[in-house]
């Protein structure tokens, strides 16, 4: 009986599908662009990635248009004024544990390994984080620092 229900559900799902005229892939009925080849049904053509892709102005990698920060260089792509204090530019965030406003504690650089285990640790790339702490419960939060454009 379980198999019948699964087969019935799959059949019902297929009723709400359409086929891409370019690559013959099944598409959800409410999609206008094929997820497989990028064919646009309203425009009746394949949309090239360069037409909708964005790139980081700092490092040049291809990005999703919804990103606010570049995942490669942490460049601030879009300033969301509700996230930052207009006076000092620091992040406005509340503690996830007790919902008290966090206080900026400084920027710290971290890397793996112990103190001078290897001479080459001196020249390794260390990741930088802005740290914020909760004055009520002591929780510490790490955030990528904001690198605003010129």
C-alpha atoms as a PDB file:
ATOM      1  CA  UNK A   1       0.000   0.000   0.000  1.00  0.00           C
ATOM      2  CA  UNK A   2       2.906   2.368   0.654  1.00  0.00           C
ATOM      3  CA  UNK A   3       4.142   1.828  -2.884  1.00  0.00           C
ATOM      4  CA  UNK A   4       0.738   2.740  -4.316  1.00  0.00           C
ATOM      5  CA  UNK A   5       0.692   6.028  -2.371  1.00  0.00           C
ATOM      6  CA  UNK A   6       4.215   6.887  -3.514  1.00  0.00           C
ATOM      7  CA  UNK A   7       3.387   6.091  -7.150  1.00  0.00           C
ATOM      8  CA  UNK A   8       0.175   8.135  -6.922  1.00  0.00           C
ATOM      9  CA  UNK A   9       2.056  11.117  -5.424  1.00  0.00           C
ATOM     10  CA  UNK A  10       4.732  10.958  -8.144  1.00  0.00           C
ATOM     11  CA  UNK A  11       2.022  10.831 -10.813  1.00  0.00           C
ATOM     12  CA  UNK A  12       0.320  13.891  -9.312  1.00  0.00           C
ATOM     13  CA  UNK A  13       3.653  15.729  -9.159  1.00  0.00           C
ATOM     14  CA  UNK A  14       4.292  15.008 -12.834  1.00  0.00           C
ATOM     15  CA  UNK A  15       0.964  16.605 -13.753  1.00  0.00           C
ATOM     16  CA  UNK A  16       2.421  19.969 -12.676  1.00  0.00           C
ATOM     17  CA  UNK A  17       5.594  19.670 -14.755  1.00  0.00           C
ATOM     18  CA  UNK A  18       6.524  20.961 -18.173  1.00  0.00           C
ATOM     19  CA  UNK A  19       9.387  20.102 -20.497  1.00  0.00           C
ATOM     20  CA  UNK A  20      12.107  22.497 -21.609  1.00  0.00           C
ATOM     21  CA  UNK A  21      11.942  22.830 -25.407  1.00  0.00           C
ATOM     22  CA  UNK A  22      15.730  23.258 -25.581  1.00  0.00           C
ATOM     23  CA  UNK A  23      17.122  20.346 -23.509  1.00  0.00           C
ATOM     24  CA  UNK A  24      13.955  18.305 -22.781  1.00  0.00           C
ATOM     25  CA  UNK A  25      14.493  18.476 -18.988  1.00  0.00           C
ATOM     26  CA  UNK A  26      11.405  18.353 -16.755  1.00  0.00           C
ATOM     27  CA  UNK A  27      10.640  21.725 -15.205  1.00  0.00           C
ATOM     28  CA  UNK A  28       8.276  22.741 -12.458  1.00  0.00           C
ATOM     29  CA  UNK A  29       5.158  24.309 -13.952  1.00  0.00           C
ATOM     30  CA  UNK A  30       5.753  27.684 -12.280  1.00  0.00           C
ATOM     31  CA  UNK A  31       9.345  28.085 -13.620  1.00  0.00           C
ATOM     32  CA  UNK A  32       9.940  30.327 -16.617  1.00  0.00           C
ATOM     33  CA  UNK A  33      13.649  29.497 -16.956  1.00  0.00           C
ATOM     34  CA  UNK A  34      15.077  25.974 -17.256  1.00  0.00           C
ATOM     35  CA  UNK A  35      17.333  25.105 -14.341  1.00  0.00           C
ATOM     36  CA  UNK A  36      19.440  22.832 -16.550  1.00  0.00           C
ATOM     37  CA  UNK A  37      20.261  24.908 -19.638  1.00  0.00           C
ATOM     38  CA  UNK A  38      19.019  28.447 -18.847  1.00  0.00           C
ATOM     39  CA  UNK A  39      16.379  28.505 -21.590  1.00  0.00           C
ATOM     40  CA  UNK A  40      13.832  31.281 -20.990  1.00  0.00           C
ATOM     41  CA  UNK A  41      10.306  30.309 -22.040  1.00  0.00           C
ATOM     42  CA  UNK A  42       8.961  33.886 -22.311  1.00  0.00           C
ATOM     43  CA  UNK A  43      11.980  35.068 -24.340  1.00  0.00           C
ATOM     44  CA  UNK A  44      12.338  31.775 -26.256  1.00  0.00           C
ATOM     45  CA  UNK A  45      16.146  31.769 -25.984  1.00  0.00           C
ATOM     46  CA  UNK A  46      18.971  30.557 -23.750  1.00  0.00           C
ATOM     47  CA  UNK A  47      20.024  33.207 -21.260  1.00  0.00           C
ATOM     48  CA  UNK A  48      23.810  33.378 -20.909  1.00  0.00           C
ATOM     49  CA  UNK A  49      25.285  33.452 -17.406  1.00  0.00           C
ATOM     50  CA  UNK A  50      27.028  36.768 -18.087  1.00  0.00           C
ATOM     51  CA  UNK A  51      23.598  38.388 -18.569  1.00  0.00           C
ATOM     52  CA  UNK A  52      22.535  37.802 -14.954  1.00  0.00           C
ATOM     53  CA  UNK A  53      25.730  37.051 -13.028  1.00  0.00           C
ATOM     54  CA  UNK A  54      27.395  39.685 -10.880  1.00  0.00           C
ATOM     55  CA  UNK A  55      31.056  39.876 -10.038  1.00  0.00           C
ATOM     56  CA  UNK A  56      32.911  41.290  -7.049  1.00  0.00           C
ATOM     57  CA  UNK A  57      34.429  44.690  -7.920  1.00  0.00           C
ATOM     58  CA  UNK A  58      37.310  43.940  -5.538  1.00  0.00           C
ATOM     59  CA  UNK A  59      38.460  40.421  -6.549  1.00  0.00           C
ATOM     60  CA  UNK A  60      36.390  39.699  -9.687  1.00  0.00           C
ATOM     61  CA  UNK A  61      34.830  36.319  -8.792  1.00  0.00           C
ATOM     62  CA  UNK A  62      31.307  35.533 -10.004  1.00  0.00           C
ATOM     63  CA  UNK A  63      28.687  36.044  -7.301  1.00  0.00           C
ATOM     64  CA  UNK A  64      25.050  35.343  -6.581  1.00  0.00           C
ATOM     65  CA  UNK A  65      23.050  38.566  -6.856  1.00  0.00           C
ATOM     66  CA  UNK A  66      21.653  38.094  -3.325  1.00  0.00           C
ATOM     67  CA  UNK A  67      25.059  38.283  -1.594  1.00  0.00           C
ATOM     68  CA  UNK A  68      25.828  41.277   0.583  1.00  0.00           C
ATOM     69  CA  UNK A  69      29.470  40.250   1.104  1.00  0.00           C
ATOM     70  CA  UNK A  70      31.920  38.608  -1.274  1.00  0.00           C
ATOM     71  CA  UNK A  71      32.656  35.094   0.089  1.00  0.00           C
ATOM     72  CA  UNK A  72      36.207  35.292  -1.301  1.00  0.00           C
ATOM     73  CA  UNK A  73      37.465  38.674  -0.030  1.00  0.00           C
ATOM     74  CA  UNK A  74      34.624  39.815   2.310  1.00  0.00           C
ATOM     75  CA  UNK A  75      34.111  42.982   0.253  1.00  0.00           C
ATOM     76  CA  UNK A  76      30.863  44.767   1.192  1.00  0.00           C
ATOM     77  CA  UNK A  77      28.730  44.604  -1.955  1.00  0.00           C
ATOM     78  CA  UNK A  78      25.536  46.199  -0.672  1.00  0.00           C
ATOM     79  CA  UNK A  79      25.222  48.400   2.370  1.00  0.00           C
ATOM     80  CA  UNK A  80      22.192  47.364   4.391  1.00  0.00           C
ATOM     81  CA  UNK A  81      21.679  50.379   6.639  1.00  0.00           C
ATOM     82  CA  UNK A  82      19.541  48.463   9.103  1.00  0.00           C
ATOM     83  CA  UNK A  83      22.497  46.189   9.981  1.00  0.00           C
ATOM     84  CA  UNK A  84      25.066  48.874  10.788  1.00  0.00           C
ATOM     85  CA  UNK A  85      25.266  51.783  13.204  1.00  0.00           C
ATOM     86  CA  UNK A  86      25.405  54.993  11.134  1.00  0.00           C
ATOM     87  CA  UNK A  87      27.786  56.676  13.616  1.00  0.00           C
ATOM     88  CA  UNK A  88      30.627  54.158  13.820  1.00  0.00           C
ATOM     89  CA  UNK A  89      29.779  51.653  11.065  1.00  0.00           C
ATOM     90  CA  UNK A  90      29.790  48.703  13.470  1.00  0.00           C
ATOM     91  CA  UNK A  91      27.336  45.850  13.200  1.00  0.00           C
ATOM     92  CA  UNK A  92      24.088  46.166  15.159  1.00  0.00           C
ATOM     93  CA  UNK A  93      23.362  42.662  16.452  1.00  0.00           C
ATOM     94  CA  UNK A  94      21.702  41.071  19.432  1.00  0.00           C
ATOM     95  CA  UNK A  95      22.946  38.092  21.416  1.00  0.00           C
ATOM     96  CA  UNK A  96      21.482  34.847  20.106  1.00  0.00           C
ATOM     97  CA  UNK A  97      21.241  33.517  23.669  1.00  0.00           C
ATOM     98  CA  UNK A  98      19.689  36.381  25.673  1.00  0.00           C
ATOM     99  CA  UNK A  99      18.814  39.024  23.015  1.00  0.00           C
ATOM    100  CA  UNK A 100      20.959  41.756  24.605  1.00  0.00           C
ATOM    101  CA  UNK A 101      22.703  44.145  22.155  1.00  0.00           C
ATOM    102  CA  UNK A 102      26.268  42.981  21.429  1.00  0.00           C
ATOM    103  CA  UNK A 103      29.272  45.249  22.012  1.00  0.00           C
ATOM    104  CA  UNK A 104      32.166  45.467  19.535  1.00  0.00           C
ATOM    105  CA  UNK A 105      35.305  43.971  21.107  1.00  0.00           C
ATOM    106  CA  UNK A 106      37.850  44.420  18.296  1.00  0.00           C
ATOM    107  CA  UNK A 107      39.256  42.750  15.228  1.00  0.00           C
ATOM    108  CA  UNK A 108      41.384  39.641  15.661  1.00  0.00           C
ATOM    109  CA  UNK A 109      43.358  37.471  13.254  1.00  0.00           C
ATOM    110  CA  UNK A 110      43.344  33.701  13.642  1.00  0.00           C
ATOM    111  CA  UNK A 111      45.202  30.806  12.028  1.00  0.00           C
ATOM    112  CA  UNK A 112      45.610  27.116  12.749  1.00  0.00           C
ATOM    113  CA  UNK A 113      48.685  25.732  14.468  1.00  0.00           C
ATOM    114  CA  UNK A 114      50.654  26.451  17.579  1.00  0.00           C
ATOM    115  CA  UNK A 115      53.221  29.120  18.352  1.00  0.00           C
ATOM    116  CA  UNK A 116      56.003  28.889  15.755  1.00  0.00           C
ATOM    117  CA  UNK A 117      55.544  25.202  15.014  1.00  0.00           C
ATOM    118  CA  UNK A 118      56.727  25.974  11.555  1.00  0.00           C
ATOM    119  CA  UNK A 119      58.746  28.897  10.234  1.00  0.00           C
ATOM    120  CA  UNK A 120      56.255  29.320   7.372  1.00  0.00           C
ATOM    121  CA  UNK A 121      53.447  30.199   9.819  1.00  0.00           C
ATOM    122  CA  UNK A 122      54.872  33.713   9.815  1.00  0.00           C
ATOM    123  CA  UNK A 123      53.871  34.217   6.184  1.00  0.00           C
ATOM    124  CA  UNK A 124      50.568  32.277   6.205  1.00  0.00           C
ATOM    125  CA  UNK A 125      47.293  34.013   5.502  1.00  0.00           C
ATOM    126  CA  UNK A 126      45.349  34.558   8.692  1.00  0.00           C
ATOM    127  CA  UNK A 127      41.587  35.092   8.681  1.00  0.00           C
ATOM    128  CA  UNK A 128      40.407  38.317  10.272  1.00  0.00           C
ATOM    129  CA  UNK A 129      37.200  38.489  12.364  1.00  0.00           C
ATOM    130  CA  UNK A 130      35.353  41.258  14.145  1.00  0.00           C
ATOM    131  CA  UNK A 131      34.423  40.025  17.608  1.00  0.00           C
ATOM    132  CA  UNK A 132      31.383  41.127  19.571  1.00  0.00           C
ATOM    133  CA  UNK A 133      30.485  40.107  23.118  1.00  0.00           C
ATOM    134  CA  UNK A 134      27.325  40.078  25.166  1.00  0.00           C
ATOM    135  CA  UNK A 135      27.641  42.100  28.393  1.00  0.00           C
ATOM    136  CA  UNK A 136      24.845  40.082  30.016  1.00  0.00           C
ATOM    137  CA  UNK A 137      25.739  36.415  29.400  1.00  0.00           C
ATOM    138  CA  UNK A 138      29.322  36.647  28.077  1.00  0.00           C
ATOM    139  CA  UNK A 139      28.672  34.983  24.714  1.00  0.00           C
ATOM    140  CA  UNK A 140      31.172  35.917  21.990  1.00  0.00           C
ATOM    141  CA  UNK A 141      30.191  36.182  18.308  1.00  0.00           C
ATOM    142  CA  UNK A 142      32.570  36.274  15.328  1.00  0.00           C
ATOM    143  CA  UNK A 143      31.693  38.152  12.137  1.00  0.00           C
ATOM    144  CA  UNK A 144      33.617  38.794   8.941  1.00  0.00           C
ATOM    145  CA  UNK A 145      34.821  42.406   8.947  1.00  0.00           C
ATOM    146  CA  UNK A 146      33.162  44.857   6.616  1.00  0.00           C
ATOM    147  CA  UNK A 147      35.405  46.093   3.803  1.00  0.00           C
ATOM    148  CA  UNK A 148      33.635  49.018   2.212  1.00  0.00           C
ATOM    149  CA  UNK A 149      34.402  50.098  -1.316  1.00  0.00           C
ATOM    150  CA  UNK A 150      36.147  53.347  -2.141  1.00  0.00           C
END
